[in-house]
Amino acid sequence: MPALIPVLKFGGRTLQGYERFGANETGLLAECQSLSSANEIYRLVEQRRNQARAQRLREIAEGYVLPLREQGIVPVIVVSAFDWATDKLDQLSTYISPEPVEREYARLLMSGELRANSSLAMALEAMDCPAYSMTGREAGIRTKGGPVGGLIESVDEGYVLGLVREGIVPVVAGFQGYYHDAETDRDEVSILGRGGSNLTAVALASALDQSEATMYSDVDGIYDCDPRTNADAQKLDEVDGRELLEWPDFPRVVQREAVNYALQRKVDIWIRSGFDAEVPGTRIVCTA
């Protein structure tokens, strides 16, 4: 096994970018006002959003992945769904049924991550960086607890590790895995709960014998209080994972279950900016 296999997780807002429809959103609004039907507006907005997404994925590749490949390092990438995608899918399910069948609900929600990871893999391939998108099941994420709200039971890292050894960047869909349904005697997909891509990243880092996993977000670290409402909030260089779990306002930038798992497996978590690779972040210390 290579000694260094960085595990990098990119959140939904990071994948989407700040400018959801590109740089000239004011111009887009004017164009929409000139169109004569809702369908025309929808098509234009979707076109601009896809153009912006493609550009953003190229920026992520150039800023975070290709520099590692130039050093001969093959990272493992974990992605969330594009910003708002999970909320939209969840909303769709509520319009269909107030109490959807959990198996189908899980499959609907996990489709968001599958769009994101295949898109990033395509972007990397287009930039001459071999990459391979993977479902949670293909990445060996085995869960317990059923189709919704599962917890990771074990990880078979063989497929991911094989790709790394071949110089291919695995791009893993976070938030998902599989479990064995005793009633049907079949393997079924499961989702890990909101923020579950963090848990995916930590679990893969542990399985690959890495001491840390890095979460790239739209914030540059963890603050002692909410910087959106407190002008004097101070960013922390590091925070003990056990202390973090005691905070009355647990930071939304990381999943609680991921921190618990990291403490159990001795994997530090970095929270860093997904928009500026040079900005120092916050280390959640879980190895002490």
C-alpha atoms as a PDB file:
ATOM      1  CA  MET A   1       0.000   0.000   0.000  1.00  0.00           C
ATOM      2  CA  PRO A   2       1.373   3.483  -0.835  1.00  0.00           C
ATOM      3  CA  ALA A   3       2.400   5.313   2.332  1.00  0.00           C
ATOM      4  CA  LEU A   4       0.483   8.480   1.428  1.00  0.00           C
ATOM      5  CA  ILE A   5      -3.033   8.342   0.008  1.00  0.00           C
ATOM      6  CA  PRO A   6      -4.703  11.692   0.756  1.00  0.00           C
ATOM      7  CA  VAL A   7      -8.451  11.365   1.280  1.00  0.00           C
ATOM      8  CA  LEU A   8     -10.144  14.588   0.160  1.00  0.00           C
ATOM      9  CA  LYS A   9     -13.848  15.247   0.571  1.00  0.00           C
ATOM     10  CA  PHE A  10     -15.577  18.064  -1.334  1.00  0.00           C
ATOM     11  CA  GLY A  11     -18.869  19.423  -0.044  1.00  0.00           C
ATOM     12  CA  GLY A  12     -21.868  20.385  -2.143  1.00  0.00           C
ATOM     13  CA  ARG A  13     -21.353  24.143  -2.064  1.00  0.00           C
ATOM     14  CA  THR A  14     -17.685  23.665  -2.909  1.00  0.00           C
ATOM     15  CA  LEU A  15     -18.610  21.563  -5.948  1.00  0.00           C
ATOM     16  CA  GLN A  16     -21.269  24.042  -7.047  1.00  0.00           C
ATOM     17  CA  GLY A  17     -19.294  27.236  -6.478  1.00  0.00           C
ATOM     18  CA  TYR A  18     -20.452  30.582  -5.176  1.00  0.00           C
ATOM     19  CA  GLU A  19     -21.787  31.661  -8.574  1.00  0.00           C
ATOM     20  CA  ARG A  20     -24.486  29.106  -9.252  1.00  0.00           C
ATOM     21  CA  PHE A  21     -25.227  30.392 -12.758  1.00  0.00           C
ATOM     22  CA  GLY A  22     -21.871  31.851 -13.727  1.00  0.00           C
ATOM     23  CA  ALA A  23     -20.312  35.260 -13.324  1.00  0.00           C
ATOM     24  CA  ASN A  24     -23.043  37.339 -14.988  1.00  0.00           C
ATOM     25  CA  GLU A  25     -26.161  36.451 -13.008  1.00  0.00           C
ATOM     26  CA  THR A  26     -27.604  39.939 -13.552  1.00  0.00           C
ATOM     27  CA  GLY A  27     -27.361  39.431 -17.299  1.00  0.00           C
ATOM     28  CA  LEU A  28     -29.022  36.043 -16.953  1.00  0.00           C
ATOM     29  CA  LEU A  29     -31.976  37.649 -15.187  1.00  0.00           C
ATOM     30  CA  ALA A  30     -32.367  40.118 -18.033  1.00  0.00           C
ATOM     31  CA  GLU A  31     -32.250  37.295 -20.588  1.00  0.00           C
ATOM     32  CA  CYS A  32     -34.923  35.390 -18.671  1.00  0.00           C
ATOM     33  CA  GLN A  33     -37.203  38.433 -18.704  1.00  0.00           C
ATOM     34  CA  SER A  34     -36.947  38.544 -22.498  1.00  0.00           C
ATOM     35  CA  LEU A  35     -38.123  34.952 -22.949  1.00  0.00           C
ATOM     36  CA  SER A  36     -41.769  34.093 -23.603  1.00  0.00           C
ATOM     37  CA  SER A  37     -42.306  30.824 -21.737  1.00  0.00           C
ATOM     38  CA  ALA A  38     -41.417  29.104 -18.498  1.00  0.00           C
ATOM     39  CA  ASN A  39     -39.868  26.212 -20.449  1.00  0.00           C
ATOM     40  CA  GLU A  40     -37.516  28.567 -22.272  1.00  0.00           C
ATOM     41  CA  ILE A  41     -36.470  30.144 -18.990  1.00  0.00           C
ATOM     42  CA  TYR A  42     -35.915  26.725 -17.411  1.00  0.00           C
ATOM     43  CA  ARG A  43     -33.724  25.558 -20.292  1.00  0.00           C
ATOM     44  CA  LEU A  44     -31.622  28.711 -20.234  1.00  0.00           C
ATOM     45  CA  VAL A  45     -31.136  28.591 -16.451  1.00  0.00           C
ATOM     46  CA  GLU A  46     -30.181  24.922 -16.566  1.00  0.00           C
ATOM     47  CA  GLN A  47     -27.728  25.564 -19.394  1.00  0.00           C
ATOM     48  CA  ARG A  48     -26.002  28.340 -17.453  1.00  0.00           C
ATOM     49  CA  ARG A  49     -25.940  26.265 -14.275  1.00  0.00           C
ATOM     50  CA  ASN A  50     -24.319  23.342 -16.072  1.00  0.00           C
ATOM     51  CA  GLN A  51     -21.748  25.643 -17.659  1.00  0.00           C
ATOM     52  CA  ALA A  52     -20.934  27.075 -14.226  1.00  0.00           C
ATOM     53  CA  ARG A  53     -20.682  23.593 -12.715  1.00  0.00           C
ATOM     54  CA  ALA A  54     -18.318  22.398 -15.427  1.00  0.00           C
ATOM     55  CA  GLN A  55     -16.073  25.402 -14.870  1.00  0.00           C
ATOM     56  CA  ARG A  56     -16.128  24.883 -11.113  1.00  0.00           C
ATOM     57  CA  LEU A  57     -15.180  21.205 -11.453  1.00  0.00           C
ATOM     58  CA  ARG A  58     -12.220  22.209 -13.610  1.00  0.00           C
ATOM     59  CA  GLU A  59     -11.162  24.659 -10.900  1.00  0.00           C
ATOM     60  CA  ILE A  60     -11.287  21.921  -8.258  1.00  0.00           C
ATOM     61  CA  ALA A  61      -9.246  19.619 -10.462  1.00  0.00           C
ATOM     62  CA  GLU A  62      -6.638  22.300 -11.130  1.00  0.00           C
ATOM     63  CA  GLY A  63      -6.438  23.582  -7.568  1.00  0.00           C
ATOM     64  CA  TYR A  64      -6.633  20.424  -5.488  1.00  0.00           C
ATOM     65  CA  VAL A  65      -6.174  17.218  -7.469  1.00  0.00           C
ATOM     66  CA  LEU A  66      -3.711  17.850 -10.303  1.00  0.00           C
ATOM     67  CA  PRO A  67      -1.026  19.358  -8.010  1.00  0.00           C
ATOM     68  CA  LEU A  68      -0.945  16.054  -6.098  1.00  0.00           C
ATOM     69  CA  ARG A  69      -0.753  14.015  -9.296  1.00  0.00           C
ATOM     70  CA  GLU A  70       2.183  16.140 -10.450  1.00  0.00           C
ATOM     71  CA  GLN A  71       3.965  14.968  -7.291  1.00  0.00           C
ATOM     72  CA  GLY A  72       3.179  11.344  -8.078  1.00  0.00           C
ATOM     73  CA  ILE A  73       0.529  11.160  -5.338  1.00  0.00           C
ATOM     74  CA  VAL A  74      -2.854   9.569  -6.056  1.00  0.00           C
ATOM     75  CA  PRO A  75      -5.616  10.918  -3.803  1.00  0.00           C
ATOM     76  CA  VAL A  76      -8.965   9.348  -3.045  1.00  0.00           C
ATOM     77  CA  ILE A  77     -11.802  11.819  -3.593  1.00  0.00           C
ATOM     78  CA  VAL A  78     -15.162  11.722  -1.810  1.00  0.00           C
ATOM     79  CA  VAL A  79     -17.972  13.998  -2.949  1.00  0.00           C
ATOM     80  CA  SER A  80     -21.298  15.204  -1.645  1.00  0.00           C
ATOM     81  CA  ALA A  81     -24.171  16.006  -3.992  1.00  0.00           C
ATOM     82  CA  PHE A  82     -24.142  19.392  -5.677  1.00  0.00           C
ATOM     83  CA  ASP A  83     -25.477  22.147  -3.444  1.00  0.00           C
ATOM     84  CA  TRP A  84     -29.253  21.872  -2.850  1.00  0.00           C
ATOM     85  CA  ALA A  85     -29.491  18.591  -4.795  1.00  0.00           C
ATOM     86  CA  THR A  86     -30.321  16.458  -1.749  1.00  0.00           C
ATOM     87  CA  ASP A  87     -32.886  19.000  -0.560  1.00  0.00           C
ATOM     88  CA  LYS A  88     -34.573  18.969  -3.966  1.00  0.00           C
ATOM     89  CA  LEU A  89     -34.704  15.178  -4.061  1.00  0.00           C
ATOM     90  CA  ASP A  90     -36.054  15.060  -0.519  1.00  0.00           C
ATOM     91  CA  GLN A  91     -38.705  17.598  -1.485  1.00  0.00           C
ATOM     92  CA  LEU A  92     -39.656  15.514  -4.514  1.00  0.00           C
ATOM     93  CA  SER A  93     -40.180  12.491  -2.288  1.00  0.00           C
ATOM     94  CA  THR A  94     -42.512  14.423   0.024  1.00  0.00           C
ATOM     95  CA  TYR A  95     -44.661  15.480  -2.927  1.00  0.00           C
ATOM     96  CA  ILE A  96     -44.884  11.847  -4.022  1.00  0.00           C
ATOM     97  CA  SER A  97     -45.539  10.354  -0.595  1.00  0.00           C
ATOM     98  CA  PRO A  98     -45.465  11.679   2.987  1.00  0.00           C
ATOM     99  CA  GLU A  99     -44.022   8.334   4.085  1.00  0.00           C
ATOM    100  CA  PRO A 100     -41.988   6.942   1.189  1.00  0.00           C
ATOM    101  CA  VAL A 101     -40.733   3.370   1.163  1.00  0.00           C
ATOM    102  CA  GLU A 102     -37.266   3.612   2.701  1.00  0.00           C
ATOM    103  CA  ARG A 103     -35.570   1.527   0.015  1.00  0.00           C
ATOM    104  CA  GLU A 104     -36.762   3.819  -2.772  1.00  0.00           C
ATOM    105  CA  TYR A 105     -36.171   6.963  -0.705  1.00  0.00           C
ATOM    106  CA  ALA A 106     -32.536   5.925  -0.190  1.00  0.00           C
ATOM    107  CA  ARG A 107     -32.072   5.237  -3.891  1.00  0.00           C
ATOM    108  CA  LEU A 108     -33.581   8.591  -4.820  1.00  0.00           C
ATOM    109  CA  LEU A 109     -31.369  10.597  -2.479  1.00  0.00           C
ATOM    110  CA  MET A 110     -28.157   8.759  -3.354  1.00  0.00           C
ATOM    111  CA  SER A 111     -28.577   9.765  -6.996  1.00  0.00           C
ATOM    112  CA  GLY A 112     -27.348  13.262  -6.103  1.00  0.00           C
ATOM    113  CA  GLU A 113     -23.873  12.018  -5.175  1.00  0.00           C
ATOM    114  CA  LEU A 114     -23.733   9.821  -8.277  1.00  0.00           C
ATOM    115  CA  ARG A 115     -24.213  12.848 -10.529  1.00  0.00           C
ATOM    116  CA  ALA A 116     -21.508  14.745  -8.678  1.00  0.00           C
ATOM    117  CA  ASN A 117     -18.851  12.039  -8.622  1.00  0.00           C
ATOM    118  CA  SER A 118     -19.262  11.013 -12.250  1.00  0.00           C
ATOM    119  CA  SER A 119     -19.101  14.691 -13.290  1.00  0.00           C
ATOM    120  CA  LEU A 120     -15.863  15.267 -11.379  1.00  0.00           C
ATOM    121  CA  ALA A 121     -14.366  12.056 -12.767  1.00  0.00           C
ATOM    122  CA  MET A 122     -15.248  13.227 -16.291  1.00  0.00           C
ATOM    123  CA  ALA A 123     -13.614  16.595 -15.617  1.00  0.00           C
ATOM    124  CA  LEU A 124     -10.418  14.922 -14.404  1.00  0.00           C
ATOM    125  CA  GLU A 125     -10.333  12.596 -17.409  1.00  0.00           C
ATOM    126  CA  ALA A 126     -10.788  15.577 -19.735  1.00  0.00           C
ATOM    127  CA  MET A 127      -7.661  17.076 -18.129  1.00  0.00           C
ATOM    128  CA  ASP A 128      -5.637  13.885 -18.770  1.00  0.00           C
ATOM    129  CA  CYS A 129      -5.924  12.694 -15.178  1.00  0.00           C
ATOM    130  CA  PRO A 130      -7.152   9.069 -15.057  1.00  0.00           C
ATOM    131  CA  ALA A 131     -10.161   8.890 -12.731  1.00  0.00           C
ATOM    132  CA  TYR A 132     -12.927   6.435 -11.936  1.00  0.00           C
ATOM    133  CA  SER A 133     -16.258   7.218 -10.301  1.00  0.00           C
ATOM    134  CA  MET A 134     -17.469   4.713  -7.709  1.00  0.00           C
ATOM    135  CA  THR A 135     -20.660   4.085  -5.787  1.00  0.00           C
ATOM    136  CA  GLY A 136     -20.446   3.566  -2.042  1.00  0.00           C
ATOM    137  CA  ARG A 137     -20.928  -0.144  -2.593  1.00  0.00           C
ATOM    138  CA  GLU A 138     -18.111  -0.310  -5.153  1.00  0.00           C
ATOM    139  CA  ALA A 139     -15.914   1.497  -2.642  1.00  0.00           C
ATOM    140  CA  GLY A 140     -16.645  -1.288  -0.143  1.00  0.00           C
ATOM    141  CA  ILE A 141     -18.704   0.741   2.343  1.00  0.00           C
ATOM    142  CA  ARG A 142     -20.755  -1.837   4.271  1.00  0.00           C
ATOM    143  CA  THR A 143     -23.357  -0.471   6.673  1.00  0.00           C
ATOM    144  CA  LYS A 144     -25.739  -1.603   9.353  1.00  0.00           C
ATOM    145  CA  GLY A 145     -29.159  -0.280  10.281  1.00  0.00           C
ATOM    146  CA  GLY A 146     -31.204  -0.531   7.096  1.00  0.00           C
ATOM    147  CA  PRO A 147     -31.643   1.663   4.019  1.00  0.00           C
ATOM    148  CA  VAL A 148     -31.898   5.027   5.804  1.00  0.00           C
ATOM    149  CA  GLY A 149     -29.628   6.423   8.520  1.00  0.00           C
ATOM    150  CA  GLY A 150     -27.111   3.595   8.303  1.00  0.00           C
ATOM    151  CA  LEU A 151     -23.813   3.481  10.175  1.00  0.00           C
ATOM    152  CA  ILE A 152     -20.619   2.118   8.691  1.00  0.00           C
ATOM    153  CA  GLU A 153     -19.876  -1.412   9.836  1.00  0.00           C
ATOM    154  CA  SER A 154     -16.793  -2.195   7.742  1.00  0.00           C
ATOM    155  CA  VAL A 155     -14.877  -1.097   4.654  1.00  0.00           C
ATOM    156  CA  ASP A 156     -13.382  -3.364   2.009  1.00  0.00           C
ATOM    157  CA  GLU A 157     -10.779  -1.051   0.531  1.00  0.00           C
ATOM    158  CA  GLY A 158      -9.494  -3.494  -2.095  1.00  0.00           C
ATOM    159  CA  TYR A 159     -11.124  -1.940  -5.167  1.00  0.00           C
ATOM    160  CA  VAL A 160     -10.182   1.618  -4.184  1.00  0.00           C
ATOM    161  CA  LEU A 161      -6.624   0.599  -3.363  1.00  0.00           C
ATOM    162  CA  GLY A 162      -6.273  -1.268  -6.640  1.00  0.00           C
ATOM    163  CA  LEU A 163      -7.179   1.883  -8.576  1.00  0.00           C
ATOM    164  CA  VAL A 164      -4.707   3.967  -6.567  1.00  0.00           C
ATOM    165  CA  ARG A 165      -1.924   1.509  -7.347  1.00  0.00           C
ATOM    166  CA  GLU A 166      -2.752   1.831 -11.054  1.00  0.00           C
ATOM    167  CA  GLY A 167      -2.513   5.635 -10.826  1.00  0.00           C
ATOM    168  CA  ILE A 168      -6.269   6.117 -11.222  1.00  0.00           C
ATOM    169  CA  VAL A 169      -8.009   8.628  -8.937  1.00  0.00           C
ATOM    170  CA  PRO A 170     -11.067   7.038  -7.283  1.00  0.00           C
ATOM    171  CA  VAL A 171     -13.963   9.506  -7.024  1.00  0.00           C
ATOM    172  CA  VAL A 172     -16.313   7.997  -4.459  1.00  0.00           C
ATOM    173  CA  ALA A 173     -19.946   8.968  -3.987  1.00  0.00           C
ATOM    174  CA  GLY A 174     -20.264   9.837  -0.319  1.00  0.00           C
ATOM    175  CA  PHE A 175     -23.306   9.409   1.923  1.00  0.00           C
ATOM    176  CA  GLN A 176     -23.978   5.846   0.796  1.00  0.00           C
ATOM    177  CA  GLY A 177     -23.093   2.201   1.205  1.00  0.00           C
ATOM    178  CA  TYR A 178     -24.807  -1.157   1.277  1.00  0.00           C
ATOM    179  CA  TYR A 179     -26.105  -3.663   3.815  1.00  0.00           C
ATOM    180  CA  HIS A 180     -27.272  -7.254   3.688  1.00  0.00           C
ATOM    181  CA  ASP A 181     -31.020  -7.592   4.070  1.00  0.00           C
ATOM    182  CA  ALA A 182     -31.604 -10.781   6.036  1.00  0.00           C
ATOM    183  CA  GLU A 183     -35.264 -10.905   5.020  1.00  0.00           C
ATOM    184  CA  THR A 184     -34.571 -11.004   1.278  1.00  0.00           C
ATOM    185  CA  ASP A 185     -31.023 -12.400   1.558  1.00  0.00           C
ATOM    186  CA  ARG A 186     -29.849  -9.667  -0.805  1.00  0.00           C
ATOM    187  CA  ASP A 187     -27.503  -6.714  -0.573  1.00  0.00           C
ATOM    188  CA  GLU A 188     -29.333  -3.382  -0.606  1.00  0.00           C
ATOM    189  CA  VAL A 189     -28.138   0.229  -0.786  1.00  0.00           C
ATOM    190  CA  SER A 190     -28.268   2.499   2.237  1.00  0.00           C
ATOM    191  CA  ILE A 191     -27.678   6.170   2.976  1.00  0.00           C
ATOM    192  CA  LEU A 192     -25.745   7.429   5.987  1.00  0.00           C
ATOM    193  CA  GLY A 193     -27.721  10.487   7.056  1.00  0.00           C
ATOM    194  CA  ARG A 194     -27.137  14.176   6.364  1.00  0.00           C
ATOM    195  CA  GLY A 195     -23.465  15.016   6.222  1.00  0.00           C
ATOM    196  CA  GLY A 196     -22.713  11.343   5.622  1.00  0.00           C
ATOM    197  CA  SER A 197     -20.021  12.093   3.040  1.00  0.00           C
ATOM    198  CA  ASN A 198     -17.841  13.181   5.970  1.00  0.00           C
ATOM    199  CA  LEU A 199     -18.280   9.722   7.458  1.00  0.00           C
ATOM    200  CA  THR A 200     -17.430   8.114   4.114  1.00  0.00           C
ATOM    201  CA  ALA A 201     -14.167  10.069   3.942  1.00  0.00           C
ATOM    202  CA  VAL A 202     -13.108   9.208   7.487  1.00  0.00           C
ATOM    203  CA  ALA A 203     -13.951   5.529   6.990  1.00  0.00           C
ATOM    204  CA  LEU A 204     -11.928   5.332   3.782  1.00  0.00           C
ATOM    205  CA  ALA A 205      -8.966   7.105   5.401  1.00  0.00           C
ATOM    206  CA  SER A 206      -9.046   4.588   8.239  1.00  0.00           C
ATOM    207  CA  ALA A 207      -9.304   1.618   5.868  1.00  0.00           C
ATOM    208  CA  LEU A 208      -6.364   2.952   3.837  1.00  0.00           C
ATOM    209  CA  ASP A 209      -4.233   3.386   6.995  1.00  0.00           C
ATOM    210  CA  GLN A 210      -4.179   7.169   6.715  1.00  0.00           C
ATOM    211  CA  SER A 211      -3.914   9.354   9.793  1.00  0.00           C
ATOM    212  CA  GLU A 212      -6.174  12.118   8.492  1.00  0.00           C
ATOM    213  CA  ALA A 213      -8.957  13.059   6.107  1.00  0.00           C
ATOM    214  CA  THR A 214      -9.539  16.538   4.696  1.00  0.00           C
ATOM    215  CA  MET A 215     -12.979  18.096   4.236  1.00  0.00           C
ATOM    216  CA  TYR A 216     -13.099  20.990   1.763  1.00  0.00           C
ATOM    217  CA  SER A 217     -16.013  23.283   2.460  1.00  0.00           C
ATOM    218  CA  ASP A 218     -17.312  26.792   1.847  1.00  0.00           C
ATOM    219  CA  VAL A 219     -15.814  27.802   5.198  1.00  0.00           C
ATOM    220  CA  ASP A 220     -12.123  27.883   6.028  1.00  0.00           C
ATOM    221  CA  GLY A 221     -12.224  26.153   9.398  1.00  0.00           C
ATOM    222  CA  ILE A 222     -14.013  25.888  12.725  1.00  0.00           C
ATOM    223  CA  TYR A 223     -14.651  29.008  14.801  1.00  0.00           C
ATOM    224  CA  ASP A 224     -15.193  29.352  18.536  1.00  0.00           C
ATOM    225  CA  CYS A 225     -18.685  30.706  17.758  1.00  0.00           C
ATOM    226  CA  ASP A 226     -20.754  31.281  14.642  1.00  0.00           C
ATOM    227  CA  PRO A 227     -18.905  33.897  12.535  1.00  0.00           C
ATOM    228  CA  ARG A 228     -22.123  34.731  10.692  1.00  0.00           C
ATOM    229  CA  THR A 229     -23.643  36.165  13.848  1.00  0.00           C
ATOM    230  CA  ASN A 230     -20.547  37.045  15.911  1.00  0.00           C
ATOM    231  CA  ALA A 231     -18.151  39.624  14.525  1.00  0.00           C
ATOM    232  CA  ASP A 232     -15.463  38.650  17.049  1.00  0.00           C
ATOM    233  CA  ALA A 233     -15.504  34.927  16.231  1.00  0.00           C
ATOM    234  CA  GLN A 234     -12.029  33.394  16.192  1.00  0.00           C
ATOM    235  CA  LYS A 235     -10.936  30.570  13.915  1.00  0.00           C
ATOM    236  CA  LEU A 236      -9.271  27.689  15.734  1.00  0.00           C
ATOM    237  CA  ASP A 237      -6.035  26.122  14.511  1.00  0.00           C
ATOM    238  CA  GLU A 238      -7.099  22.878  16.125  1.00  0.00           C
ATOM    239  CA  VAL A 239      -9.741  21.469  18.440  1.00  0.00           C
ATOM    240  CA  ASP A 240      -9.910  18.202  20.323  1.00  0.00           C
ATOM    241  CA  GLY A 241     -12.544  15.900  18.851  1.00  0.00           C
ATOM    242  CA  ARG A 242     -13.924  14.910  22.258  1.00  0.00           C
ATOM    243  CA  GLU A 243     -14.234  18.539  23.272  1.00  0.00           C
ATOM    244  CA  LEU A 244     -15.966  19.344  19.997  1.00  0.00           C
ATOM    245  CA  LEU A 245     -18.641  16.740  20.713  1.00  0.00           C
ATOM    246  CA  GLU A 246     -19.382  18.600  23.963  1.00  0.00           C
ATOM    247  CA  TRP A 247     -20.056  21.916  22.259  1.00  0.00           C
ATOM    248  CA  PRO A 248     -23.683  23.021  22.731  1.00  0.00           C
ATOM    249  CA  ASP A 249     -23.718  24.293  19.126  1.00  0.00           C
ATOM    250  CA  PHE A 250     -22.017  21.552  17.159  1.00  0.00           C
ATOM    251  CA  PRO A 251     -20.541  23.031  13.947  1.00  0.00           C
ATOM    252  CA  ARG A 252     -22.550  22.220  10.844  1.00  0.00           C
ATOM    253  CA  VAL A 253     -19.416  21.911   8.731  1.00  0.00           C
ATOM    254  CA  VAL A 254     -18.760  18.359   9.950  1.00  0.00           C
ATOM    255  CA  GLN A 255     -21.019  15.436  10.790  1.00  0.00           C
ATOM    256  CA  ARG A 256     -21.140  14.366  14.445  1.00  0.00           C
ATOM    257  CA  GLU A 257     -21.072  10.668  13.487  1.00  0.00           C
ATOM    258  CA  ALA A 258     -17.926  11.304  11.447  1.00  0.00           C
ATOM    259  CA  VAL A 259     -16.159  12.775  14.480  1.00  0.00           C
ATOM    260  CA  ASN A 260     -17.240   9.835  16.620  1.00  0.00           C
ATOM    261  CA  TYR A 261     -15.946   7.400  14.013  1.00  0.00           C
ATOM    262  CA  ALA A 262     -12.695   9.353  13.688  1.00  0.00           C
ATOM    263  CA  LEU A 263     -12.146   9.155  17.452  1.00  0.00           C
ATOM    264  CA  GLN A 264     -12.731   5.417  17.401  1.00  0.00           C
ATOM    265  CA  ARG A 265     -10.366   4.872  14.458  1.00  0.00           C
ATOM    266  CA  LYS A 266      -7.766   7.521  15.348  1.00  0.00           C
ATOM    267  CA  VAL A 267      -8.153   9.654  12.220  1.00  0.00           C
ATOM    268  CA  ASP A 268      -7.714  13.422  12.413  1.00  0.00           C
ATOM    269  CA  ILE A 269     -10.104  15.575  10.377  1.00  0.00           C
ATOM    270  CA  TRP A 270      -9.036  18.733   8.598  1.00  0.00           C
ATOM    271  CA  ILE A 271     -11.658  21.386   7.800  1.00  0.00           C
ATOM    272  CA  ARG A 272     -10.312  23.569   4.993  1.00  0.00           C
ATOM    273  CA  SER A 273     -11.452  26.036   2.359  1.00  0.00           C
ATOM    274  CA  GLY A 274     -12.621  24.567  -0.915  1.00  0.00           C
ATOM    275  CA  PHE A 275     -12.045  27.914  -2.620  1.00  0.00           C
ATOM    276  CA  ASP A 276      -8.463  28.718  -1.618  1.00  0.00           C
ATOM    277  CA  ALA A 277      -6.028  25.836  -1.189  1.00  0.00           C
ATOM    278  CA  GLU A 278      -3.488  28.086   0.529  1.00  0.00           C
ATOM    279  CA  VAL A 279      -5.692  29.094   3.474  1.00  0.00           C
ATOM    280  CA  PRO A 280      -4.862  27.126   6.652  1.00  0.00           C
ATOM    281  CA  GLY A 281      -7.789  25.315   8.162  1.00  0.00           C
ATOM    282  CA  THR A 282      -8.695  23.660  11.467  1.00  0.00           C
ATOM    283  CA  ARG A 283      -7.527  20.235  12.549  1.00  0.00           C
ATOM    284  CA  ILE A 284      -9.983  18.190  14.607  1.00  0.00           C
ATOM    285  CA  VAL A 285      -7.597  16.107  16.674  1.00  0.00           C
ATOM    286  CA  CYS A 286      -8.848  12.546  17.040  1.00  0.00           C
ATOM    287  CA  THR A 287      -5.521  10.691  17.269  1.00  0.00           C
ATOM    288  CA  ALA A 288      -4.561  11.767  20.777  1.00  0.00           C
END
